[in-house]
Amino acid sequence: MYFNHPLFLITALLILVFVNLSHDGGKALKKWVLVLILMSVLIILLNPFLVSRGTTILFYFRGKQVTLEATIYGMTMALFIVNVLILSISFHLILNGNRFLYIFSKFLPRTAFLVMMAIRFVPLLKRRLDEISDVHHIRGLSMREGNMKNRMTNGMLRLQTGLTWSLEEAIQTADSMKARGYGLGKKTSYIPYYMKKRDWVWLMILCFLFALCIAGGALGYGKIVIYPVLGTLQFFGIDWTVFGCMVLLMAFPLWVEGRETLRWRF
């Protein structure tokens, strides 16, 4: 969201989509495609009719001006939100519970553990509700058939069973943690991760690219003025330099995964 030039945002969107495809073949992304498309279309269509800022008038709708600037801003905002959500999908796939704890448990042990449990709770509860739903379906308890009272009763019974199951397992987890001496000694990790020499080298390169992007954006490159008058979309030499740094920074996972794939196959 640091750059708002359409070329930057569209390129970032394409890179993030390919990064997600490299993770799991797009399985997680497919669940969000319809939501992302509908949300983007809604933002792009509504923003020009809700916001009348701008000087380039396209047409009037019920006495209210619809401007080019508001339309461009709606497209920009839609790309912002879609990019952030796709990036969050990658975050969820890559930074699993063990890695999250390994990174943050050294200086925020309780907070990291609480966040990991909160992130894990929602999909876990959904899986349990699906299992309970299958059992209820076999027993003839349906939320889609019968009168409203019976459907509500079956739904509340399903929710009650799921919450009871979760609370019971939470007690078992707490007892298990207490029996194993959680919090009494020095924190250790089940799976250790080590930074090798090449990891430090690549980290320095990525930090350098990131610093160039920040510096270029601070000078106004990679950005356009939308309000009150739409600025030029023209690219200058330093714009292309900042654009190249952003592409290299965001496409780094593709380079790593692609190199490993070529090594594995050939």
C-alpha atoms as a PDB file:
ATOM      1  CA  MET A   1       0.000   0.000   0.000  1.00  0.00           C
ATOM      2  CA  TYR A   2       3.073   2.253  -0.087  1.00  0.00           C
ATOM      3  CA  PHE A   3       2.765   2.778  -3.856  1.00  0.00           C
ATOM      4  CA  ASN A   4      -0.502   3.770  -5.518  1.00  0.00           C
ATOM      5  CA  HIS A   5       0.544   3.832  -9.173  1.00  0.00           C
ATOM      6  CA  PRO A   6      -1.700   1.405 -11.119  1.00  0.00           C
ATOM      7  CA  LEU A   7       1.278  -0.309 -12.777  1.00  0.00           C
ATOM      8  CA  PHE A   8       2.860  -0.974  -9.368  1.00  0.00           C
ATOM      9  CA  LEU A   9      -0.388  -2.324  -7.910  1.00  0.00           C
ATOM     10  CA  ILE A  10      -1.319  -4.530 -10.877  1.00  0.00           C
ATOM     11  CA  THR A  11       2.217  -5.950 -11.047  1.00  0.00           C
ATOM     12  CA  ALA A  12       2.156  -6.631  -7.304  1.00  0.00           C
ATOM     13  CA  LEU A  13      -1.204  -8.403  -7.704  1.00  0.00           C
ATOM     14  CA  LEU A  14       0.138 -10.677 -10.455  1.00  0.00           C
ATOM     15  CA  ILE A  15       3.277 -11.504  -8.454  1.00  0.00           C
ATOM     16  CA  LEU A  16       1.283 -12.300  -5.299  1.00  0.00           C
ATOM     17  CA  VAL A  17      -1.049 -14.579  -7.260  1.00  0.00           C
ATOM     18  CA  PHE A  18       1.905 -16.528  -8.673  1.00  0.00           C
ATOM     19  CA  VAL A  19       3.481 -16.676  -5.204  1.00  0.00           C
ATOM     20  CA  ASN A  20       0.280 -18.236  -3.853  1.00  0.00           C
ATOM     21  CA  LEU A  21       0.243 -20.699  -6.739  1.00  0.00           C
ATOM     22  CA  SER A  22       3.798 -21.710  -5.821  1.00  0.00           C
ATOM     23  CA  HIS A  23       2.723 -22.433  -2.234  1.00  0.00           C
ATOM     24  CA  ASP A  24      -0.065 -24.959  -2.677  1.00  0.00           C
ATOM     25  CA  GLY A  25      -1.126 -24.774  -6.305  1.00  0.00           C
ATOM     26  CA  GLY A  26      -3.709 -22.082  -5.484  1.00  0.00           C
ATOM     27  CA  LYS A  27      -5.924 -24.249  -3.242  1.00  0.00           C
ATOM     28  CA  ALA A  28      -6.218 -21.607  -0.521  1.00  0.00           C
ATOM     29  CA  LEU A  29      -6.575 -18.773  -3.022  1.00  0.00           C
ATOM     30  CA  LYS A  30      -9.441 -20.480  -4.882  1.00  0.00           C
ATOM     31  CA  LYS A  31     -11.621 -20.217  -1.766  1.00  0.00           C
ATOM     32  CA  TRP A  32     -11.261 -16.425  -1.834  1.00  0.00           C
ATOM     33  CA  VAL A  33     -11.461 -15.709  -5.580  1.00  0.00           C
ATOM     34  CA  LEU A  34     -15.216 -15.054  -5.676  1.00  0.00           C
ATOM     35  CA  VAL A  35     -15.099 -12.894  -2.535  1.00  0.00           C
ATOM     36  CA  LEU A  36     -12.176 -10.837  -3.869  1.00  0.00           C
ATOM     37  CA  ILE A  37     -13.848 -10.283  -7.244  1.00  0.00           C
ATOM     38  CA  LEU A  38     -17.207  -9.273  -5.748  1.00  0.00           C
ATOM     39  CA  MET A  39     -15.577  -6.982  -3.197  1.00  0.00           C
ATOM     40  CA  SER A  40     -13.416  -5.300  -5.863  1.00  0.00           C
ATOM     41  CA  VAL A  41     -16.361  -4.741  -8.194  1.00  0.00           C
ATOM     42  CA  LEU A  42     -18.437  -3.350  -5.324  1.00  0.00           C
ATOM     43  CA  ILE A  43     -15.723  -0.874  -4.295  1.00  0.00           C
ATOM     44  CA  ILE A  44     -15.047   0.242  -7.874  1.00  0.00           C
ATOM     45  CA  LEU A  45     -18.748   0.790  -8.594  1.00  0.00           C
ATOM     46  CA  LEU A  46     -19.748   2.425  -5.303  1.00  0.00           C
ATOM     47  CA  ASN A  47     -16.851   4.837  -4.735  1.00  0.00           C
ATOM     48  CA  PRO A  48     -17.595   7.159  -7.725  1.00  0.00           C
ATOM     49  CA  PHE A  49     -21.249   7.440  -6.673  1.00  0.00           C
ATOM     50  CA  LEU A  50     -20.500   8.031  -2.978  1.00  0.00           C
ATOM     51  CA  VAL A  51     -17.568  10.433  -3.403  1.00  0.00           C
ATOM     52  CA  SER A  52     -17.905  13.522  -5.600  1.00  0.00           C
ATOM     53  CA  ARG A  53     -14.354  14.801  -5.259  1.00  0.00           C
ATOM     54  CA  GLY A  54     -12.369  15.509  -8.397  1.00  0.00           C
ATOM     55  CA  THR A  55     -12.515  17.930 -11.312  1.00  0.00           C
ATOM     56  CA  THR A  56     -12.866  15.623 -14.340  1.00  0.00           C
ATOM     57  CA  ILE A  57     -16.612  15.012 -14.544  1.00  0.00           C
ATOM     58  CA  LEU A  58     -17.659  11.898 -16.455  1.00  0.00           C
ATOM     59  CA  PHE A  59     -21.438  12.247 -16.097  1.00  0.00           C
ATOM     60  CA  TYR A  60     -24.157  13.184 -13.622  1.00  0.00           C
ATOM     61  CA  PHE A  61     -26.264  10.667 -11.708  1.00  0.00           C
ATOM     62  CA  ARG A  62     -29.380  12.078 -10.033  1.00  0.00           C
ATOM     63  CA  GLY A  63     -27.801  15.480  -9.874  1.00  0.00           C
ATOM     64  CA  LYS A  64     -24.542  14.205  -8.400  1.00  0.00           C
ATOM     65  CA  GLN A  65     -21.323  14.364 -10.380  1.00  0.00           C
ATOM     66  CA  VAL A  66     -19.352  11.174 -11.068  1.00  0.00           C
ATOM     67  CA  THR A  67     -15.688  12.019 -11.532  1.00  0.00           C
ATOM     68  CA  LEU A  68     -12.732  10.251 -13.104  1.00  0.00           C
ATOM     69  CA  GLU A  69     -10.660  10.835  -9.969  1.00  0.00           C
ATOM     70  CA  ALA A  70     -13.172   9.034  -7.751  1.00  0.00           C
ATOM     71  CA  THR A  71     -13.273   6.120 -10.207  1.00  0.00           C
ATOM     72  CA  ILE A  72      -9.473   5.824 -10.270  1.00  0.00           C
ATOM     73  CA  TYR A  73      -9.370   6.042  -6.467  1.00  0.00           C
ATOM     74  CA  GLY A  74     -11.949   3.230  -6.220  1.00  0.00           C
ATOM     75  CA  MET A  75      -9.807   1.033  -8.487  1.00  0.00           C
ATOM     76  CA  THR A  76      -6.722   1.859  -6.433  1.00  0.00           C
ATOM     77  CA  MET A  77      -8.461   1.061  -3.149  1.00  0.00           C
ATOM     78  CA  ALA A  78      -9.769  -2.247  -4.535  1.00  0.00           C
ATOM     79  CA  LEU A  79      -6.237  -3.231  -5.592  1.00  0.00           C
ATOM     80  CA  PHE A  80      -4.925  -2.216  -2.151  1.00  0.00           C
ATOM     81  CA  ILE A  81      -7.370  -4.463  -0.310  1.00  0.00           C
ATOM     82  CA  VAL A  82      -7.018  -7.424  -2.699  1.00  0.00           C
ATOM     83  CA  ASN A  83      -3.211  -7.322  -2.467  1.00  0.00           C
ATOM     84  CA  VAL A  84      -3.287  -7.205   1.335  1.00  0.00           C
ATOM     85  CA  LEU A  85      -5.737 -10.127   1.539  1.00  0.00           C
ATOM     86  CA  ILE A  86      -3.719 -12.272  -0.894  1.00  0.00           C
ATOM     87  CA  LEU A  87      -0.594 -11.451   1.097  1.00  0.00           C
ATOM     88  CA  SER A  88      -2.409 -12.549   4.256  1.00  0.00           C
ATOM     89  CA  ILE A  89      -3.211 -15.883   2.606  1.00  0.00           C
ATOM     90  CA  SER A  90       0.504 -16.379   1.912  1.00  0.00           C
ATOM     91  CA  PHE A  91       1.317 -15.371   5.482  1.00  0.00           C
ATOM     92  CA  HIS A  92      -1.079 -17.973   6.840  1.00  0.00           C
ATOM     93  CA  LEU A  93       0.357 -20.702   4.591  1.00  0.00           C
ATOM     94  CA  ILE A  94       4.046 -19.984   5.247  1.00  0.00           C
ATOM     95  CA  LEU A  95       4.188 -18.792   8.855  1.00  0.00           C
ATOM     96  CA  ASN A  96       2.591 -21.797  10.546  1.00  0.00           C
ATOM     97  CA  GLY A  97       2.293 -22.309  14.312  1.00  0.00           C
ATOM     98  CA  ASN A  98       5.793 -23.677  14.907  1.00  0.00           C
ATOM     99  CA  ARG A  99       7.476 -20.907  12.910  1.00  0.00           C
ATOM    100  CA  PHE A 100       5.348 -18.197  14.504  1.00  0.00           C
ATOM    101  CA  LEU A 101       6.235 -19.425  17.988  1.00  0.00           C
ATOM    102  CA  TYR A 102       9.921 -19.751  17.066  1.00  0.00           C
ATOM    103  CA  ILE A 103      10.089 -16.128  15.894  1.00  0.00           C
ATOM    104  CA  PHE A 104       8.128 -14.380  18.650  1.00  0.00           C
ATOM    105  CA  SER A 105       8.346 -16.667  21.679  1.00  0.00           C
ATOM    106  CA  LYS A 106      11.780 -15.392  22.711  1.00  0.00           C
ATOM    107  CA  PHE A 107      10.572 -11.892  23.580  1.00  0.00           C
ATOM    108  CA  LEU A 108       6.747 -12.287  23.570  1.00  0.00           C
ATOM    109  CA  PRO A 109       6.135 -15.884  24.710  1.00  0.00           C
ATOM    110  CA  ARG A 110       2.622 -15.542  26.137  1.00  0.00           C
ATOM    111  CA  THR A 111       1.411 -13.185  23.407  1.00  0.00           C
ATOM    112  CA  ALA A 112       2.795 -15.418  20.650  1.00  0.00           C
ATOM    113  CA  PHE A 113       1.190 -18.491  22.169  1.00  0.00           C
ATOM    114  CA  LEU A 114      -2.156 -16.705  22.573  1.00  0.00           C
ATOM    115  CA  VAL A 115      -2.096 -15.402  18.985  1.00  0.00           C
ATOM    116  CA  MET A 116      -1.232 -18.851  17.623  1.00  0.00           C
ATOM    117  CA  MET A 117      -4.108 -20.438  19.543  1.00  0.00           C
ATOM    118  CA  ALA A 118      -6.519 -17.733  18.360  1.00  0.00           C
ATOM    119  CA  ILE A 119      -5.494 -18.224  14.716  1.00  0.00           C
ATOM    120  CA  ARG A 120      -5.834 -21.987  15.096  1.00  0.00           C
ATOM    121  CA  PHE A 121      -9.215 -21.856  16.839  1.00  0.00           C
ATOM    122  CA  VAL A 122     -11.412 -20.653  13.958  1.00  0.00           C
ATOM    123  CA  PRO A 123     -10.479 -23.331  11.356  1.00  0.00           C
ATOM    124  CA  LEU A 124     -10.436 -25.976  14.095  1.00  0.00           C
ATOM    125  CA  LEU A 125     -13.954 -25.041  15.223  1.00  0.00           C
ATOM    126  CA  LYS A 126     -15.134 -25.113  11.607  1.00  0.00           C
ATOM    127  CA  ARG A 127     -13.764 -28.645  11.112  1.00  0.00           C
ATOM    128  CA  ARG A 128     -15.467 -29.808  14.307  1.00  0.00           C
ATOM    129  CA  LEU A 129     -18.775 -28.269  13.285  1.00  0.00           C
ATOM    130  CA  ASP A 130     -18.506 -30.078   9.935  1.00  0.00           C
ATOM    131  CA  GLU A 131     -17.958 -33.383  11.753  1.00  0.00           C
ATOM    132  CA  ILE A 132     -20.891 -32.710  14.086  1.00  0.00           C
ATOM    133  CA  SER A 133     -23.007 -31.784  11.064  1.00  0.00           C
ATOM    134  CA  ASP A 134     -22.246 -35.150   9.440  1.00  0.00           C
ATOM    135  CA  VAL A 135     -23.250 -36.997  12.621  1.00  0.00           C
ATOM    136  CA  HIS A 136     -26.460 -34.970  12.941  1.00  0.00           C
ATOM    137  CA  HIS A 137     -27.252 -35.633   9.294  1.00  0.00           C
ATOM    138  CA  ILE A 138     -27.056 -39.377   9.928  1.00  0.00           C
ATOM    139  CA  ARG A 139     -29.337 -38.980  12.960  1.00  0.00           C
ATOM    140  CA  GLY A 140     -31.854 -36.989  10.889  1.00  0.00           C
ATOM    141  CA  LEU A 141     -31.236 -33.634  12.619  1.00  0.00           C
ATOM    142  CA  SER A 142     -31.247 -31.014   9.869  1.00  0.00           C
ATOM    143  CA  MET A 143     -30.990 -27.208   9.839  1.00  0.00           C
ATOM    144  CA  ARG A 144     -32.520 -26.985   6.364  1.00  0.00           C
ATOM    145  CA  GLU A 145     -35.686 -29.038   6.749  1.00  0.00           C
ATOM    146  CA  GLY A 146     -38.667 -28.733   9.063  1.00  0.00           C
ATOM    147  CA  ASN A 147     -40.196 -25.688  10.733  1.00  0.00           C
ATOM    148  CA  MET A 148     -38.214 -22.741  12.027  1.00  0.00           C
ATOM    149  CA  LYS A 149     -38.262 -23.896  15.655  1.00  0.00           C
ATOM    150  CA  ASN A 150     -36.813 -27.331  14.881  1.00  0.00           C
ATOM    151  CA  ARG A 151     -34.121 -25.863  12.626  1.00  0.00           C
ATOM    152  CA  MET A 152     -33.102 -23.346  15.291  1.00  0.00           C
ATOM    153  CA  THR A 153     -33.060 -26.092  17.946  1.00  0.00           C
ATOM    154  CA  ASN A 154     -30.848 -28.306  15.773  1.00  0.00           C
ATOM    155  CA  GLY A 155     -28.537 -25.386  15.013  1.00  0.00           C
ATOM    156  CA  MET A 156     -28.147 -24.459  18.690  1.00  0.00           C
ATOM    157  CA  LEU A 157     -27.521 -28.119  19.564  1.00  0.00           C
ATOM    158  CA  ARG A 158     -24.789 -28.276  16.923  1.00  0.00           C
ATOM    159  CA  LEU A 159     -23.161 -25.095  18.220  1.00  0.00           C
ATOM    160  CA  GLN A 160     -23.423 -26.242  21.846  1.00  0.00           C
ATOM    161  CA  THR A 161     -21.757 -29.566  21.014  1.00  0.00           C
ATOM    162  CA  GLY A 162     -18.944 -27.808  19.149  1.00  0.00           C
ATOM    163  CA  LEU A 163     -18.233 -25.339  21.964  1.00  0.00           C
ATOM    164  CA  THR A 164     -18.382 -28.101  24.609  1.00  0.00           C
ATOM    165  CA  TRP A 165     -15.935 -30.179  22.570  1.00  0.00           C
ATOM    166  CA  SER A 166     -13.574 -27.198  22.242  1.00  0.00           C
ATOM    167  CA  LEU A 167     -13.720 -26.328  25.958  1.00  0.00           C
ATOM    168  CA  GLU A 168     -13.117 -29.939  26.965  1.00  0.00           C
ATOM    169  CA  GLU A 169     -10.051 -30.173  24.732  1.00  0.00           C
ATOM    170  CA  ALA A 170      -8.816 -26.803  26.064  1.00  0.00           C
ATOM    171  CA  ILE A 171      -8.876 -28.232  29.614  1.00  0.00           C
ATOM    172  CA  GLN A 172      -6.968 -31.305  28.437  1.00  0.00           C
ATOM    173  CA  THR A 173      -4.408 -29.090  26.696  1.00  0.00           C
ATOM    174  CA  ALA A 174      -3.954 -26.974  29.827  1.00  0.00           C
ATOM    175  CA  ASP A 175      -3.472 -30.083  31.992  1.00  0.00           C
ATOM    176  CA  SER A 176      -0.973 -31.476  29.506  1.00  0.00           C
ATOM    177  CA  MET A 177       0.998 -28.196  29.441  1.00  0.00           C
ATOM    178  CA  LYS A 178       1.060 -28.081  33.250  1.00  0.00           C
ATOM    179  CA  ALA A 179       2.216 -31.712  33.475  1.00  0.00           C
ATOM    180  CA  ARG A 180       5.062 -30.993  31.051  1.00  0.00           C
ATOM    181  CA  GLY A 181       6.232 -27.970  33.040  1.00  0.00           C
ATOM    182  CA  TYR A 182       5.251 -25.218  30.610  1.00  0.00           C
ATOM    183  CA  GLY A 183       6.675 -21.861  31.690  1.00  0.00           C
ATOM    184  CA  LEU A 184       8.931 -23.254  34.458  1.00  0.00           C
ATOM    185  CA  GLY A 185      12.226 -23.210  32.609  1.00  0.00           C
ATOM    186  CA  LYS A 186      13.891 -21.822  29.533  1.00  0.00           C
ATOM    187  CA  LYS A 187      11.734 -21.868  26.399  1.00  0.00           C
ATOM    188  CA  THR A 188      12.777 -24.427  23.790  1.00  0.00           C
ATOM    189  CA  SER A 189      11.426 -25.073  20.306  1.00  0.00           C
ATOM    190  CA  TYR A 190      10.222 -28.385  18.936  1.00  0.00           C
ATOM    191  CA  ILE A 191      11.679 -27.607  15.497  1.00  0.00           C
ATOM    192  CA  PRO A 192      14.772 -25.355  15.489  1.00  0.00           C
ATOM    193  CA  TYR A 193      15.488 -23.054  12.554  1.00  0.00           C
ATOM    194  CA  TYR A 194      18.988 -21.829  11.758  1.00  0.00           C
ATOM    195  CA  MET A 195      20.227 -18.894   9.695  1.00  0.00           C
ATOM    196  CA  LYS A 196      23.059 -19.950   7.393  1.00  0.00           C
ATOM    197  CA  LYS A 197      25.587 -17.679   5.746  1.00  0.00           C
ATOM    198  CA  ARG A 198      23.664 -17.525   2.475  1.00  0.00           C
ATOM    199  CA  ASP A 199      20.480 -16.658   4.423  1.00  0.00           C
ATOM    200  CA  TRP A 200      22.191 -13.619   5.934  1.00  0.00           C
ATOM    201  CA  VAL A 201      23.470 -12.584   2.504  1.00  0.00           C
ATOM    202  CA  TRP A 202      20.013 -12.789   0.944  1.00  0.00           C
ATOM    203  CA  LEU A 203      18.498 -11.005   3.938  1.00  0.00           C
ATOM    204  CA  MET A 204      20.924  -8.106   3.409  1.00  0.00           C
ATOM    205  CA  ILE A 205      20.034  -7.970  -0.301  1.00  0.00           C
ATOM    206  CA  LEU A 206      16.303  -7.944   0.492  1.00  0.00           C
ATOM    207  CA  CYS A 207      16.801  -5.199   3.107  1.00  0.00           C
ATOM    208  CA  PHE A 208      18.746  -3.165   0.541  1.00  0.00           C
ATOM    209  CA  LEU A 209      15.949  -3.516  -2.031  1.00  0.00           C
ATOM    210  CA  PHE A 210      13.392  -2.641   0.629  1.00  0.00           C
ATOM    211  CA  ALA A 211      15.363   0.490   1.604  1.00  0.00           C
ATOM    212  CA  LEU A 212      15.513   1.594  -2.057  1.00  0.00           C
ATOM    213  CA  CYS A 213      11.741   1.173  -2.341  1.00  0.00           C
ATOM    214  CA  ILE A 214      11.155   3.216   0.819  1.00  0.00           C
ATOM    215  CA  ALA A 215      13.550   5.949  -0.320  1.00  0.00           C
ATOM    216  CA  GLY A 216      12.012   6.105  -3.799  1.00  0.00           C
ATOM    217  CA  GLY A 217       8.490   6.264  -2.408  1.00  0.00           C
ATOM    218  CA  ALA A 218       9.509   8.998   0.053  1.00  0.00           C
ATOM    219  CA  LEU A 219      10.676  11.070  -2.935  1.00  0.00           C
ATOM    220  CA  GLY A 220       7.336  10.563  -4.673  1.00  0.00           C
ATOM    221  CA  TYR A 221       8.273   7.918  -7.197  1.00  0.00           C
ATOM    222  CA  GLY A 222       5.811   5.105  -7.840  1.00  0.00           C
ATOM    223  CA  LYS A 223       2.941   7.311  -6.740  1.00  0.00           C
ATOM    224  CA  ILE A 224       0.321   9.420  -8.490  1.00  0.00           C
ATOM    225  CA  VAL A 225      -1.789  12.322  -7.304  1.00  0.00           C
ATOM    226  CA  ILE A 226      -5.493  11.510  -7.569  1.00  0.00           C
ATOM    227  CA  TYR A 227      -7.259  14.370  -5.765  1.00  0.00           C
ATOM    228  CA  PRO A 228      -8.176  17.074  -6.591  1.00  0.00           C
ATOM    229  CA  VAL A 229      -6.803  16.634 -10.141  1.00  0.00           C
ATOM    230  CA  LEU A 230      -5.560  13.338 -11.534  1.00  0.00           C
ATOM    231  CA  GLY A 231      -1.824  13.474 -12.053  1.00  0.00           C
ATOM    232  CA  THR A 232       0.179  12.035 -14.908  1.00  0.00           C
ATOM    233  CA  LEU A 233       0.774   8.289 -15.223  1.00  0.00           C
ATOM    234  CA  GLN A 234       4.058   8.861 -17.001  1.00  0.00           C
ATOM    235  CA  PHE A 235       7.101   6.941 -15.758  1.00  0.00           C
ATOM    236  CA  PHE A 236      10.527   8.500 -15.328  1.00  0.00           C
ATOM    237  CA  GLY A 237      13.942   6.836 -14.993  1.00  0.00           C
ATOM    238  CA  ILE A 238      13.908   6.578 -11.195  1.00  0.00           C
ATOM    239  CA  ASP A 239      10.309   5.289 -11.339  1.00  0.00           C
ATOM    240  CA  TRP A 240      11.540   2.310 -13.353  1.00  0.00           C
ATOM    241  CA  THR A 241      14.383   1.775 -10.863  1.00  0.00           C
ATOM    242  CA  VAL A 242      11.979   1.726  -7.908  1.00  0.00           C
ATOM    243  CA  PHE A 243       9.623  -0.492  -9.904  1.00  0.00           C
ATOM    244  CA  GLY A 244      12.445  -2.970 -10.591  1.00  0.00           C
ATOM    245  CA  CYS A 245      13.401  -3.041  -6.897  1.00  0.00           C
ATOM    246  CA  MET A 246       9.788  -3.743  -5.918  1.00  0.00           C
ATOM    247  CA  VAL A 247       9.486  -6.552  -8.477  1.00  0.00           C
ATOM    248  CA  LEU A 248      12.742  -8.173  -7.318  1.00  0.00           C
ATOM    249  CA  LEU A 249      11.696  -7.875  -3.671  1.00  0.00           C
ATOM    250  CA  MET A 250       8.218  -9.342  -4.119  1.00  0.00           C
ATOM    251  CA  ALA A 251       9.245 -11.998  -6.656  1.00  0.00           C
ATOM    252  CA  PHE A 252      12.017 -13.393  -4.450  1.00  0.00           C
ATOM    253  CA  PRO A 253       9.828 -16.383  -3.324  1.00  0.00           C
ATOM    254  CA  LEU A 254       9.212 -17.228  -6.988  1.00  0.00           C
ATOM    255  CA  TRP A 255      12.929 -17.258  -7.685  1.00  0.00           C
ATOM    256  CA  VAL A 256      13.596 -19.535  -4.695  1.00  0.00           C
ATOM    257  CA  GLU A 257      10.753 -21.935  -5.497  1.00  0.00           C
ATOM    258  CA  GLY A 258      11.601 -21.934  -9.196  1.00  0.00           C
ATOM    259  CA  ARG A 259      15.239 -22.747  -8.518  1.00  0.00           C
ATOM    260  CA  GLU A 260      14.277 -25.622  -6.215  1.00  0.00           C
ATOM    261  CA  THR A 261      11.812 -26.967  -8.795  1.00  0.00           C
ATOM    262  CA  LEU A 262      14.452 -26.926 -11.541  1.00  0.00           C
ATOM    263  CA  ARG A 263      16.949 -28.655  -9.282  1.00  0.00           C
ATOM    264  CA  TRP A 264      14.414 -31.318  -8.348  1.00  0.00           C
ATOM    265  CA  ARG A 265      13.367 -32.056 -11.928  1.00  0.00           C
ATOM    266  CA  PHE A 266      16.605 -31.658 -13.850  1.00  0.00           C
END
